Amino acid sequence: MISIAMTTYNGEKYIREQLDSILAQTENDFEVVICDDTSNDSTLSILKEYENKDSRFRIYENEKNLGYRENFNKAVSLCKGDFIAFSDQDDIWLPNHLQVLRENIGENFVCAGRAQRFFENDALLNLFQPTNYQAEYLTSQIKRFIYQCYAFNLYQGASQMISKQAAEIYFPIEKNEYAHDWVSATNAIAENKFIYINEIITKWRKHPAQVTSTHDSRKIRKNRLKNFVEYMFDNNKNLNEEVRTILQKALEFHSNRSIFYRLRNINHAIKIANIIYGSYAKQVLGYLFTASL
């Protein structure tokens, strides 16, 4: 059985579309575990409506607001399935979303598919996660790991499925980490237990009220990358030498953001930039001076 872990907070505007897309899945051996974080709109009543008509839904109402990360930790801890699919409250899953992930995860800890962004008016955007370049050229686990440690998370959480074993190892996510999807994907990549399927399985809604859109991306990178790499380094003692060397160098880079340090290490920076951005000169030069370094 697959568990679908979802957290909600004031999601009345879009929640029905996501729940209906879950009910329309070609894979139907699943449970839906939803933890509502003290919504003050009609979200909870909508959730109860679905729970009353379908026994696969289990709704939990928090007594106090836990915040996004802790609420997701709670949802994952309540899942009973052999696999756990992450779900946001405002996306739309394509009908084969669960089937694609379930059929391809195999013995891996994490399987990720592709998402396409769309506006509130349902207009599809020519924006994908991962992008065309990322999907086509970041095919080795090492290149993916470098991206995760030097740039940010490639693999949208709502397009991921993890094994129960991965949930037991990686959760709960510590408070100083940015997001569950970043942690789960990066750990699995580091352990060669990750698989990416280059198929669009999620319509990822773009709107101003999103939790992840309320932050400035440069600020996120500046404040989170060092802590994230430090966390990876301290909590993964059995990684191979190549991966630990990447972590050591990434931690050094994120700890030394001065222009003088970057210039002294320009060859390394260009190498990393070429992996992340490809051979576009402007992007490579831009990368040398971004918050990522």
Protein backbone atom coordinates (compact mmCIF):
# COMPACT_ATOMS: atom_id res chain seq x y z
CA MET A 1 0.00 0.00 0.00
CA ILE A 2 1.03 3.59 -0.68
CA SER A 3 0.58 6.31 1.91
CA ILE A 4 0.00 9.84 0.68
CA ALA A 5 1.28 12.39 3.21
CA MET A 6 -0.27 15.85 2.96
CA THR A 7 -0.23 18.89 5.20
CA THR A 8 -2.79 21.66 4.96
CA TYR A 9 -3.21 25.21 6.14
CA ASN A 10 -5.90 27.57 4.83
CA GLY A 11 -5.99 25.69 1.55
CA GLU A 12 -9.68 25.99 0.74
CA LYS A 13 -9.08 27.66 -2.65
CA TYR A 14 -7.32 24.71 -4.30
CA ILE A 15 -7.64 21.69 -2.02
CA ARG A 16 -10.60 20.09 -3.82
CA GLU A 17 -8.73 19.98 -7.12
CA GLN A 18 -5.80 18.19 -5.52
CA LEU A 19 -7.97 15.72 -3.61
CA ASP A 20 -9.98 14.97 -6.74
CA SER A 21 -6.78 14.36 -8.69
CA ILE A 22 -5.72 11.87 -6.00
CA LEU A 23 -9.04 10.06 -6.26
CA ALA A 24 -8.60 9.90 -10.05
CA GLN A 25 -5.31 7.97 -9.81
CA THR A 26 -4.83 4.79 -11.85
CA GLU A 27 -3.23 3.31 -8.72
CA ASN A 28 -5.88 3.00 -6.03
CA ASP A 29 -4.27 0.96 -3.23
CA PHE A 30 -3.48 3.94 -1.04
CA GLU A 31 -4.33 5.84 2.11
CA VAL A 32 -4.37 9.63 2.41
CA VAL A 33 -2.94 10.99 5.67
CA ILE A 34 -3.65 14.70 6.10
CA CYS A 35 -2.60 16.87 9.04
CA ASP A 36 -4.31 20.23 9.17
CA ASP A 37 -2.33 22.94 10.94
CA THR A 38 -5.20 24.87 12.59
CA SER A 39 -6.71 26.31 9.41
CA ASN A 40 -9.19 29.13 10.02
CA ASP A 41 -10.98 28.85 6.68
CA SER A 42 -13.11 25.97 5.34
CA THR A 43 -10.17 23.63 4.70
CA LEU A 44 -10.95 21.28 7.58
CA SER A 45 -14.63 20.94 6.68
CA ILE A 46 -13.66 20.10 3.11
CA LEU A 47 -11.23 17.45 4.37
CA LYS A 48 -13.89 15.96 6.63
CA GLU A 49 -16.23 15.78 3.66
CA TYR A 50 -13.73 13.62 1.77
CA GLU A 51 -13.02 11.52 4.86
CA ASN A 52 -16.72 10.81 5.29
CA LYS A 53 -17.16 9.59 1.73
CA ASP A 54 -13.91 7.62 1.33
CA SER A 55 -12.42 5.41 4.06
CA ARG A 56 -8.93 5.81 2.61
CA PHE A 57 -8.76 9.33 4.07
CA ARG A 58 -7.49 9.91 7.60
CA ILE A 59 -7.69 13.52 8.78
CA TYR A 60 -5.85 14.88 11.82
CA GLU A 61 -6.43 18.33 13.29
CA ASN A 62 -3.50 19.84 15.19
CA GLU A 63 -4.27 21.37 18.57
CA LYS A 64 -1.76 24.14 17.88
CA ASN A 65 0.02 25.40 14.79
CA LEU A 66 3.17 23.32 14.27
CA GLY A 67 4.52 25.03 11.17
CA TYR A 68 5.18 23.43 7.81
CA ARG A 69 8.17 21.25 8.68
CA GLU A 70 6.93 19.84 11.97
CA ASN A 71 3.49 19.24 10.54
CA PHE A 72 5.01 17.26 7.68
CA ASN A 73 7.08 15.25 10.14
CA LYS A 74 3.84 14.41 11.92
CA ALA A 75 2.06 13.37 8.71
CA VAL A 76 4.90 11.07 7.67
CA SER A 77 5.02 9.49 11.15
CA LEU A 78 1.33 8.54 10.82
CA CYS A 79 1.72 6.79 7.45
CA LYS A 80 1.26 3.01 7.39
CA GLY A 81 2.16 2.19 3.81
CA ASP A 82 5.23 0.52 2.34
CA PHE A 83 5.81 3.69 0.33
CA ILE A 84 5.05 7.34 1.03
CA ALA A 85 4.16 9.89 -1.64
CA PHE A 86 4.47 13.54 -0.66
CA SER A 87 1.56 15.82 -1.57
CA ASP A 88 1.02 19.56 -1.40
CA GLN A 89 -2.44 21.07 -0.96
CA ASP A 90 -2.46 23.20 -4.10
CA ASP A 91 -1.07 21.08 -6.95
CA ILE A 92 -2.78 18.68 -9.35
CA TRP A 93 -1.55 15.14 -9.91
CA LEU A 94 -1.77 13.62 -13.36
CA PRO A 95 -3.73 10.33 -13.28
CA ASN A 96 -0.61 8.13 -13.52
CA HIS A 97 1.34 10.02 -10.83
CA LEU A 98 1.36 7.23 -8.25
CA GLN A 99 1.63 4.47 -10.82
CA VAL A 100 4.79 5.91 -12.39
CA LEU A 101 6.49 6.36 -9.02
CA ARG A 102 5.41 2.97 -7.67
CA GLU A 103 6.45 1.06 -10.78
CA ASN A 104 9.91 2.64 -10.87
CA ILE A 105 11.07 2.98 -7.26
CA GLY A 106 12.26 -0.63 -7.03
CA GLU A 107 14.80 -1.07 -4.23
CA ASN A 108 15.63 2.64 -4.18
CA PHE A 109 14.89 4.91 -1.23
CA VAL A 110 13.50 7.74 -3.36
CA CYS A 111 11.89 7.98 -6.79
CA ALA A 112 11.20 11.39 -8.31
CA GLY A 113 9.24 12.45 -11.38
CA ARG A 114 8.92 15.78 -13.18
CA ALA A 115 6.59 18.72 -12.54
CA GLN A 116 5.28 21.45 -14.83
CA ARG A 117 4.40 24.86 -13.41
CA PHE A 118 1.02 26.44 -14.05
CA PHE A 119 -0.76 29.65 -13.07
CA GLU A 120 -3.87 30.07 -10.97
CA ASN A 121 -5.91 30.38 -14.18
CA ASP A 122 -4.74 26.88 -15.19
CA ALA A 123 -2.46 28.21 -17.95
CA LEU A 124 0.56 25.93 -18.30
CA LEU A 125 3.98 27.55 -18.17
CA ASN A 126 7.07 26.52 -20.07
CA LEU A 127 8.73 25.92 -16.70
CA PHE A 128 9.66 22.48 -15.47
CA GLN A 129 11.23 21.00 -12.36
CA PRO A 130 13.80 19.71 -13.21
CA THR A 131 14.49 21.92 -16.24
CA ASN A 132 15.34 20.42 -19.62
CA TYR A 133 19.06 20.86 -18.97
CA GLN A 134 18.86 19.36 -15.49
CA ALA A 135 16.81 16.39 -16.68
CA GLU A 136 19.03 15.62 -19.68
CA TYR A 137 22.54 16.26 -18.35
CA LEU A 138 22.48 15.77 -14.58
CA THR A 139 22.14 12.02 -14.97
CA SER A 140 24.91 10.75 -12.69
CA GLN A 141 24.41 10.59 -8.95
CA ILE A 142 27.60 12.60 -8.40
CA LYS A 143 26.45 15.50 -10.59
CA ARG A 144 23.05 15.44 -8.88
CA PHE A 145 24.73 15.45 -5.48
CA ILE A 146 26.88 18.44 -6.43
CA TYR A 147 23.78 20.34 -7.53
CA GLN A 148 21.97 19.53 -4.29
CA CYS A 149 24.91 20.75 -2.20
CA TYR A 150 25.91 23.84 -4.18
CA ALA A 151 22.64 25.17 -5.62
CA PHE A 152 19.38 23.85 -4.18
CA ASN A 153 16.89 21.00 -4.48
CA LEU A 154 16.24 19.69 -8.00
CA TYR A 155 13.34 17.41 -7.18
CA GLN A 156 9.99 18.81 -6.11
CA GLY A 157 8.61 17.07 -3.04
CA ALA A 158 5.13 16.59 -4.45
CA SER A 159 6.69 14.57 -7.28
CA GLN A 160 8.58 12.23 -4.94
CA MET A 161 7.86 8.83 -3.46
CA ILE A 162 10.02 7.37 -0.70
CA SER A 163 10.22 3.90 0.79
CA LYS A 164 9.14 3.23 4.35
CA GLN A 165 12.77 2.44 5.16
CA ALA A 166 13.81 5.88 3.91
CA ALA A 167 11.14 7.50 6.07
CA GLU A 168 12.47 5.67 9.13
CA ILE A 169 16.05 6.78 8.37
CA TYR A 170 15.51 10.39 7.23
CA PHE A 171 12.55 11.50 9.35
CA PRO A 172 11.87 13.50 11.41
CA ILE A 173 13.59 16.33 9.58
CA GLU A 174 15.54 18.51 11.99
CA LYS A 175 14.38 22.09 12.57
CA ASN A 176 17.45 23.66 11.02
CA GLU A 177 16.89 21.96 7.68
CA TYR A 178 14.95 23.64 4.94
CA ALA A 179 12.62 21.02 3.51
CA HIS A 180 11.80 17.33 3.58
CA ASP A 181 12.19 16.89 -0.18
CA TRP A 182 15.70 18.37 -0.22
CA VAL A 183 16.81 16.13 2.63
CA SER A 184 15.25 12.91 1.30
CA ALA A 185 16.49 13.35 -2.28
CA THR A 186 20.03 14.38 -1.30
CA ASN A 187 20.49 11.56 1.18
CA ALA A 188 19.21 8.99 -1.31
CA ILE A 189 21.46 10.37 -4.06
CA ALA A 190 24.46 10.21 -1.72
CA GLU A 191 23.72 6.55 -0.99
CA ASN A 192 23.02 5.68 -4.64
CA LYS A 193 19.43 4.87 -3.70
CA PHE A 194 17.74 7.48 -5.89
CA ILE A 195 16.05 7.22 -9.27
CA TYR A 196 14.66 9.99 -11.45
CA ILE A 197 11.94 9.34 -14.04
CA ASN A 198 11.83 11.99 -16.76
CA GLU A 199 8.06 12.05 -17.06
CA ILE A 200 5.68 14.86 -16.09
CA ILE A 201 3.46 13.57 -13.31
CA THR A 202 2.54 16.78 -11.45
CA LYS A 203 1.04 20.14 -12.32
CA TRP A 204 2.79 22.44 -9.83
CA ARG A 205 0.66 25.48 -9.13
CA LYS A 206 2.34 28.89 -8.99
CA HIS A 207 0.57 31.43 -6.77
CA PRO A 208 1.54 34.15 -4.23
CA ALA A 209 0.22 32.34 -1.15
CA GLN A 210 2.62 29.40 -1.39
CA VAL A 211 4.86 28.82 1.62
CA THR A 212 7.91 28.41 -0.61
CA SER A 213 7.15 31.56 -2.61
CA THR A 214 7.20 33.83 0.44
CA HIS A 215 10.99 33.67 0.64
CA ASP A 216 13.63 35.24 -1.52
CA SER A 217 15.55 32.44 -3.26
CA ARG A 218 18.93 34.15 -2.90
CA LYS A 219 18.30 34.60 0.81
CA ILE A 220 17.32 30.94 1.13
CA ARG A 221 20.54 29.84 -0.51
CA LYS A 222 22.67 32.21 1.52
CA ASN A 223 21.18 31.14 4.84
CA ARG A 224 20.48 27.47 4.20
CA LEU A 225 23.18 25.94 2.01
CA LYS A 226 25.92 26.02 4.62
CA ASN A 227 23.65 24.56 7.31
CA PHE A 228 22.36 21.91 4.93
CA VAL A 229 25.80 20.75 3.83
CA GLU A 230 27.00 20.77 7.44
CA TYR A 231 24.00 18.63 8.38
CA MET A 232 24.76 16.19 5.55
CA PHE A 233 28.41 15.98 6.61
CA ASP A 234 27.68 15.42 10.30
CA ASN A 235 24.86 12.90 9.81
CA ASN A 236 26.31 10.65 7.12
CA LYS A 237 29.34 8.83 8.45
CA ASN A 238 29.24 5.89 6.03
CA LEU A 239 29.31 7.77 2.72
CA ASN A 240 32.01 6.94 0.21
CA GLU A 241 35.16 9.04 -0.03
CA GLU A 242 34.12 10.87 -3.20
CA VAL A 243 30.84 12.05 -1.70
CA ARG A 244 32.45 13.12 1.58
CA THR A 245 35.10 15.06 -0.34
CA ILE A 246 32.33 16.93 -2.18
CA LEU A 247 30.69 17.73 1.14
CA GLN A 248 33.95 18.98 2.63
CA LYS A 249 34.64 21.28 -0.31
CA ALA A 250 31.04 22.52 -0.43
CA LEU A 251 31.13 23.31 3.29
CA GLU A 252 34.38 25.23 2.81
CA PHE A 253 32.86 27.19 -0.08
CA HIS A 254 29.67 28.04 1.76
CA SER A 255 31.66 29.12 4.80
CA ASN A 256 33.87 31.50 2.82
CA ARG A 257 31.78 33.86 0.72
CA SER A 258 34.34 36.63 0.22
CA ILE A 259 35.24 37.62 -3.33
CA PHE A 260 38.91 36.97 -2.55
CA TYR A 261 38.19 33.37 -1.61
CA ARG A 262 36.11 32.87 -4.76
CA LEU A 263 38.83 34.26 -6.98
CA ARG A 264 41.48 32.05 -5.35
CA ASN A 265 39.24 29.03 -6.00
CA ILE A 266 38.01 30.11 -9.41
CA ASN A 267 38.88 26.83 -11.14
CA HIS A 268 36.78 24.88 -8.70
CA ALA A 269 33.96 27.43 -8.97
CA ILE A 270 33.94 27.21 -12.77
CA LYS A 271 33.88 23.41 -12.61
CA ILE A 272 30.89 23.48 -10.27
CA ALA A 273 29.17 26.20 -12.30
CA ASN A 274 29.54 24.17 -15.48
CA ILE A 275 27.81 21.23 -13.83
CA ILE A 276 24.99 23.39 -12.52
CA TYR A 277 24.47 25.72 -15.46
CA GLY A 278 26.12 24.04 -18.42
CA SER A 279 28.52 25.95 -20.66
CA TYR A 280 26.69 29.30 -20.69
CA ALA A 281 29.36 31.92 -19.99
CA LYS A 282 27.05 34.52 -18.47
CA GLN A 283 25.55 32.00 -16.09
CA VAL A 284 28.96 30.68 -15.08
CA LEU A 285 30.25 34.20 -14.35
CA GLY A 286 27.01 35.06 -12.57
CA TYR A 287 27.26 31.97 -10.42
CA LEU A 288 30.65 33.05 -9.09
CA PHE A 289 29.01 36.05 -7.45
CA THR A 290 25.70 34.63 -6.30
CA ALA A 291 24.69 33.76 -2.76
CA SER A 292 25.25 30.08 -3.60
CA LEU A 293 28.97 30.64 -3.13
